[in-house]
PDB file of N, CA and C in Angstrom:
ATOM      1  N   MET A   1      17.069  20.666  -2.249  1.00  0.00           N
ATOM      2  CA  MET A   1      17.039  19.586  -3.207  1.00  0.00           C
ATOM      3  C   MET A   1      16.269  18.389  -2.662  1.00  0.00           C
ATOM      4  N   GLY A   2      16.544  18.016  -1.440  1.00  0.00           N
ATOM      5  CA  GLY A   2      15.889  16.840  -0.875  1.00  0.00           C
ATOM      6  C   GLY A   2      15.562  17.067   0.586  1.00  0.00           C
ATOM      7  N   GLU A   3      14.892  16.109   1.136  1.00  0.00           N
ATOM      8  CA  GLU A   3      14.525  16.198   2.539  1.00  0.00           C
ATOM      9  C   GLU A   3      15.588  15.535   3.398  1.00  0.00           C
ATOM     10  N   VAL A   4      15.748  16.064   4.589  1.00  0.00           N
ATOM     11  CA  VAL A   4      16.655  15.469   5.557  1.00  0.00           C
ATOM     12  C   VAL A   4      15.824  14.562   6.462  1.00  0.00           C
ATOM     13  N   VAL A   5      16.206  13.305   6.508  1.00  0.00           N
ATOM     14  CA  VAL A   5      15.482  12.336   7.324  1.00  0.00           C
ATOM     15  C   VAL A   5      16.392  11.902   8.458  1.00  0.00           C
ATOM     16  N   LYS A   6      15.878  12.004   9.662  1.00  0.00           N
ATOM     17  CA  LYS A   6      16.656  11.603  10.831  1.00  0.00           C
ATOM     18  C   LYS A   6      16.103  10.279  11.351  1.00  0.00           C
ATOM     19  N   LEU A   7      16.951   9.275  11.409  1.00  0.00           N
ATOM     20  CA  LEU A   7      16.563   7.974  11.929  1.00  0.00           C
ATOM     21  C   LEU A   7      17.100   7.816  13.343  1.00  0.00           C
ATOM     22  N   GLU A   8      16.218   7.379  14.229  1.00  0.00           N
ATOM     23  CA  GLU A   8      16.629   7.148  15.608  1.00  0.00           C
ATOM     24  C   GLU A   8      16.503   5.662  15.928  1.00  0.00           C
ATOM     25  N   PRO A   9      17.367   5.155  16.779  1.00  0.00           N
ATOM     26  CA  PRO A   9      17.268   3.734  17.135  1.00  0.00           C
ATOM     27  C   PRO A   9      15.999   3.452  17.945  1.00  0.00           C
ATOM     28  N   ILE A  10      15.507   2.240  17.804  1.00  0.00           N
ATOM     29  CA  ILE A  10      14.322   1.831  18.557  1.00  0.00           C
ATOM     30  C   ILE A  10      14.750   1.540  19.990  1.00  0.00           C
ATOM     31  N   LYS A  11      14.137   2.239  20.921  1.00  0.00           N
ATOM     32  CA  LYS A  11      14.509   2.059  22.320  1.00  0.00           C
ATOM     33  C   LYS A  11      13.697   0.961  22.997  1.00  0.00           C
ATOM     34  N   ASN A  12      12.443   0.841  22.609  1.00  0.00           N
ATOM     35  CA  ASN A  12      11.633  -0.239  23.175  1.00  0.00           C
ATOM     36  C   ASN A  12      10.531  -0.603  22.194  1.00  0.00           C
ATOM     37  N   ILE A  13      10.067  -1.812  22.299  1.00  0.00           N
ATOM     38  CA  ILE A  13       8.999  -2.306  21.447  1.00  0.00           C
ATOM     39  C   ILE A  13       7.832  -2.675  22.349  1.00  0.00           C
ATOM     40  N   SER A  14       6.695  -2.134  22.041  1.00  0.00           N
ATOM     41  CA  SER A  14       5.504  -2.422  22.832  1.00  0.00           C
ATOM     42  C   SER A  14       4.892  -3.740  22.382  1.00  0.00           C
ATOM     43  N   ILE A  15       4.396  -4.500  23.321  1.00  0.00           N
ATOM     44  CA  ILE A  15       3.764  -5.772  22.979  1.00  0.00           C
ATOM     45  C   ILE A  15       2.264  -5.601  22.764  1.00  0.00           C
ATOM     46  N   ASN A  16       1.752  -4.392  22.928  1.00  0.00           N
ATOM     47  CA  ASN A  16       0.314  -4.169  22.796  1.00  0.00           C
ATOM     48  C   ASN A  16      -0.245  -4.548  21.431  1.00  0.00           C
ATOM     49  N   PRO A  17       0.412  -4.229  20.305  1.00  0.00           N
ATOM     50  CA  PRO A  17      -0.147  -4.685  19.023  1.00  0.00           C
ATOM     51  C   PRO A  17      -0.220  -6.209  18.922  1.00  0.00           C
ATOM     52  N   LEU A  18       0.791  -6.896  19.419  1.00  0.00           N
ATOM     53  CA  LEU A  18       0.767  -8.355  19.412  1.00  0.00           C
ATOM     54  C   LEU A  18      -0.346  -8.870  20.313  1.00  0.00           C
ATOM     55  N   ASP A  19      -0.494  -8.249  21.449  1.00  0.00           N
ATOM     56  CA  ASP A  19      -1.541  -8.648  22.374  1.00  0.00           C
ATOM     57  C   ASP A  19      -2.918  -8.417  21.768  1.00  0.00           C
ATOM     58  N   ALA A  20      -3.070  -7.313  21.056  1.00  0.00           N
ATOM     59  CA  ALA A  20      -4.347  -7.035  20.399  1.00  0.00           C
ATOM     60  C   ALA A  20      -4.611  -8.025  19.276  1.00  0.00           C
ATOM     61  N   LEU A  21      -3.565  -8.423  18.572  1.00  0.00           N
ATOM     62  CA  LEU A  21      -3.725  -9.381  17.482  1.00  0.00           C
ATOM     63  C   LEU A  21      -4.140 -10.750  18.009  1.00  0.00           C
ATOM     64  N   LEU A  22      -3.541 -11.168  19.107  1.00  0.00           N
ATOM     65  CA  LEU A  22      -3.833 -12.485  19.663  1.00  0.00           C
ATOM     66  C   LEU A  22      -5.075 -12.515  20.538  1.00  0.00           C
ATOM     67  N   SER A  23      -5.632 -11.358  20.854  1.00  0.00           N
ATOM     68  CA  SER A  23      -6.744 -11.332  21.799  1.00  0.00           C
ATOM     69  C   SER A  23      -7.958 -12.074  21.282  1.00  0.00           C
ATOM     70  N   ALA A  24      -8.130 -12.132  19.970  1.00  0.00           N
ATOM     71  CA  ALA A  24      -9.273 -12.861  19.427  1.00  0.00           C
ATOM     72  C   ALA A  24      -9.075 -14.364  19.547  1.00  0.00           C
ATOM     73  N   TYR A  25      -7.850 -14.810  19.611  1.00  0.00           N
ATOM     74  CA  TYR A  25      -7.568 -16.238  19.674  1.00  0.00           C
ATOM     75  C   TYR A  25      -7.207 -16.703  21.081  1.00  0.00           C
ATOM     76  N   ASP A  26      -6.473 -15.902  21.781  1.00  0.00           N
ATOM     77  CA  ASP A  26      -5.998 -16.278  23.117  1.00  0.00           C
ATOM     78  C   ASP A  26      -6.717 -15.405  24.141  1.00  0.00           C
ATOM     79  N   ARG A  27      -7.879 -15.808  24.539  1.00  0.00           N
ATOM     80  CA  ARG A  27      -8.724 -14.955  25.381  1.00  0.00           C
ATOM     81  C   ARG A  27      -8.157 -14.730  26.768  1.00  0.00           C
ATOM     82  N   ASN A  28      -7.537 -15.720  27.358  1.00  0.00           N
ATOM     83  CA  ASN A  28      -7.008 -15.528  28.704  1.00  0.00           C
ATOM     84  C   ASN A  28      -5.537 -15.110  28.696  1.00  0.00           C
ATOM     85  N   HIS A  29      -4.982 -14.823  27.522  1.00  0.00           N
ATOM     86  CA  HIS A  29      -3.642 -14.230  27.351  1.00  0.00           C
ATOM     87  C   HIS A  29      -2.544 -15.030  28.051  1.00  0.00           C
ATOM     88  N   ASP A  30      -2.631 -16.342  27.977  1.00  0.00           N
ATOM     89  CA  ASP A  30      -1.581 -17.156  28.575  1.00  0.00           C
ATOM     90  C   ASP A  30      -0.659 -17.768  27.524  1.00  0.00           C
ATOM     91  N   PHE A  31      -0.856 -17.391  26.246  1.00  0.00           N
ATOM     92  CA  PHE A  31      -0.058 -17.874  25.120  1.00  0.00           C
ATOM     93  C   PHE A  31      -0.096 -19.396  25.009  1.00  0.00           C
ATOM     94  N   LYS A  32      -1.217 -19.987  25.407  1.00  0.00           N
ATOM     95  CA  LYS A  32      -1.446 -21.415  25.257  1.00  0.00           C
ATOM     96  C   LYS A  32      -2.817 -21.603  24.628  1.00  0.00           C
ATOM     97  N   ILE A  33      -2.994 -22.685  23.897  1.00  0.00           N
ATOM     98  CA  ILE A  33      -4.291 -22.990  23.310  1.00  0.00           C
ATOM     99  C   ILE A  33      -4.998 -23.975  24.227  1.00  0.00           C
ATOM    100  N   ASP A  34      -6.092 -23.528  24.811  1.00  0.00           N
ATOM    101  CA  ASP A  34      -6.902 -24.418  25.628  1.00  0.00           C
ATOM    102  C   ASP A  34      -8.370 -24.236  25.267  1.00  0.00           C
ATOM    103  N   ASN A  35      -9.245 -24.936  25.975  1.00  0.00           N
ATOM    104  CA  ASN A  35     -10.652 -24.932  25.590  1.00  0.00           C
ATOM    105  C   ASN A  35     -11.362 -23.610  25.857  1.00  0.00           C
ATOM    106  N   LYS A  36     -10.697 -22.638  26.450  1.00  0.00           N
ATOM    107  CA  LYS A  36     -11.296 -21.325  26.674  1.00  0.00           C
ATOM    108  C   LYS A  36     -11.008 -20.360  25.526  1.00  0.00           C
ATOM    109  N   ASP A  37     -10.220 -20.777  24.562  1.00  0.00           N
ATOM    110  CA  ASP A  37      -9.830 -19.907  23.455  1.00  0.00           C
ATOM    111  C   ASP A  37     -10.670 -20.201  22.226  1.00  0.00           C
ATOM    112  N   ILE A  38     -10.868 -19.175  21.414  1.00  0.00           N
ATOM    113  CA  ILE A  38     -11.684 -19.310  20.205  1.00  0.00           C
ATOM    114  C   ILE A  38     -11.022 -20.251  19.209  1.00  0.00           C
ATOM    115  N   ILE A  39      -9.713 -20.162  19.065  1.00  0.00           N
ATOM    116  CA  ILE A  39      -9.025 -20.980  18.061  1.00  0.00           C
ATOM    117  C   ILE A  39      -9.147 -22.470  18.392  1.00  0.00           C
ATOM    118  N   TYR A  40      -9.317 -22.786  19.664  1.00  0.00           N
ATOM    119  CA  TYR A  40      -9.535 -24.184  20.056  1.00  0.00           C
ATOM    120  C   TYR A  40     -10.796 -24.722  19.399  1.00  0.00           C
ATOM    121  N   ASN A  41     -11.846 -23.910  19.360  1.00  0.00           N
ATOM    122  CA  ASN A  41     -13.092 -24.338  18.717  1.00  0.00           C
ATOM    123  C   ASN A  41     -12.899 -24.535  17.226  1.00  0.00           C
ATOM    124  N   TYR A  42     -12.120 -23.665  16.579  1.00  0.00           N
ATOM    125  CA  TYR A  42     -11.858 -23.819  15.148  1.00  0.00           C
ATOM    126  C   TYR A  42     -11.075 -25.101  14.871  1.00  0.00           C
ATOM    127  N   ILE A  43     -10.066 -25.372  15.681  1.00  0.00           N
ATOM    128  CA  ILE A  43      -9.274 -26.588  15.492  1.00  0.00           C
ATOM    129  C   ILE A  43     -10.154 -27.818  15.693  1.00  0.00           C
ATOM    130  N   PHE A  44     -10.976 -27.797  16.721  1.00  0.00           N
ATOM    131  CA  PHE A  44     -11.876 -28.913  16.984  1.00  0.00           C
ATOM    132  C   PHE A  44     -12.847 -29.111  15.829  1.00  0.00           C
ATOM    133  N   LEU A  45     -13.392 -28.022  15.300  1.00  0.00           N
ATOM    134  CA  LEU A  45     -14.341 -28.107  14.191  1.00  0.00           C
ATOM    135  C   LEU A  45     -13.673 -28.661  12.938  1.00  0.00           C
ATOM    136  N   ILE A  46     -12.473 -28.194  12.623  1.00  0.00           N
ATOM    137  CA  ILE A  46     -11.757 -28.668  11.433  1.00  0.00           C
ATOM    138  C   ILE A  46     -11.447 -30.162  11.559  1.00  0.00           C
ATOM    139  N   LEU A  47     -10.984 -30.582  12.722  1.00  0.00           N
ATOM    140  CA  LEU A  47     -10.697 -32.005  12.920  1.00  0.00           C
ATOM    141  C   LEU A  47     -11.965 -32.842  12.849  1.00  0.00           C
ATOM    142  N   TYR A  48     -13.037 -32.340  13.401  1.00  0.00           N
ATOM    143  CA  TYR A  48     -14.304 -33.067  13.374  1.00  0.00           C
ATOM    144  C   TYR A  48     -14.802 -33.242  11.947  1.00  0.00           C
ATOM    145  N   VAL A  49     -14.768 -32.167  11.168  1.00  0.00           N
ATOM    146  CA  VAL A  49     -15.225 -32.237   9.774  1.00  0.00           C
ATOM    147  C   VAL A  49     -14.325 -33.164   8.965  1.00  0.00           C
ATOM    148  N   PHE A  50     -13.022 -33.071   9.167  1.00  0.00           N
ATOM    149  CA  PHE A  50     -12.084 -33.929   8.441  1.00  0.00           C
ATOM    150  C   PHE A  50     -12.350 -35.403   8.743  1.00  0.00           C
ATOM    151  N   VAL A  51     -12.483 -35.742  10.008  1.00  0.00           N
ATOM    152  CA  VAL A  51     -12.723 -37.137  10.391  1.00  0.00           C
ATOM    153  C   VAL A  51     -14.071 -37.602   9.869  1.00  0.00           C
ATOM    154  N   PHE A  52     -15.083 -36.755   9.942  1.00  0.00           N
ATOM    155  CA  PHE A  52     -16.415 -37.120   9.459  1.00  0.00           C
ATOM    156  C   PHE A  52     -16.385 -37.459   7.970  1.00  0.00           C
ATOM    157  N   PHE A  53     -15.767 -36.585   7.160  1.00  0.00           N
ATOM    158  CA  PHE A  53     -15.711 -36.842   5.721  1.00  0.00           C
ATOM    159  C   PHE A  53     -14.797 -38.016   5.383  1.00  0.00           C
ATOM    160  N   TYR A  54     -13.724 -38.176   6.117  1.00  0.00           N
ATOM    161  CA  TYR A  54     -12.819 -39.295   5.876  1.00  0.00           C
ATOM    162  C   TYR A  54     -13.517 -40.625   6.155  1.00  0.00           C
ATOM    163  N   LEU A  55     -14.262 -40.687   7.244  1.00  0.00           N
ATOM    164  CA  LEU A  55     -14.984 -41.923   7.559  1.00  0.00           C
ATOM    165  C   LEU A  55     -16.079 -42.200   6.544  1.00  0.00           C
ATOM    166  N   ASN A  56     -16.697 -41.168   6.033  1.00  0.00           N
ATOM    167  CA  ASN A  56     -17.710 -41.366   4.998  1.00  0.00           C
ATOM    168  C   ASN A  56     -17.089 -41.873   3.706  1.00  0.00           C
ATOM    169  N   LEU A  57     -15.889 -41.444   3.394  1.00  0.00           N
ATOM    170  CA  LEU A  57     -15.219 -41.930   2.188  1.00  0.00           C
ATOM    171  C   LEU A  57     -14.838 -43.404   2.311  1.00  0.00           C
ATOM    172  N   LEU A  58     -14.573 -43.850   3.517  1.00  0.00           N
ATOM    173  CA  LEU A  58     -14.217 -45.257   3.716  1.00  0.00           C
ATOM    174  C   LEU A  58     -15.392 -46.186   3.442  1.00  0.00           C
ATOM    175  N   TYR A  59     -16.588 -45.691   3.655  1.00  0.00           N
ATOM    176  CA  TYR A  59     -17.774 -46.538   3.498  1.00  0.00           C
ATOM    177  C   TYR A  59     -18.418 -46.423   2.130  1.00  0.00           C
ATOM    178  N   ILE A  60     -17.822 -45.653   1.239  1.00  0.00           N
ATOM    179  CA  ILE A  60     -18.389 -45.521  -0.117  1.00  0.00           C
ATOM    180  C   ILE A  60     -17.932 -46.684  -0.970  1.00  0.00           C
TER     181      ILE A  60
END
């Protein structure tokens, strides 16, 4: 009539998928954002663009 499904408890969780996910952002794998990481450049760029446009709006 139906299938028998056997569920087993999780014995361990690998951190490799998380490490692979963060590898593009955290290049030196220290779980900190510093100037060696790609996301640092994105944050710097977003702040720079925001400040640039905000200052331009003040002078209009």
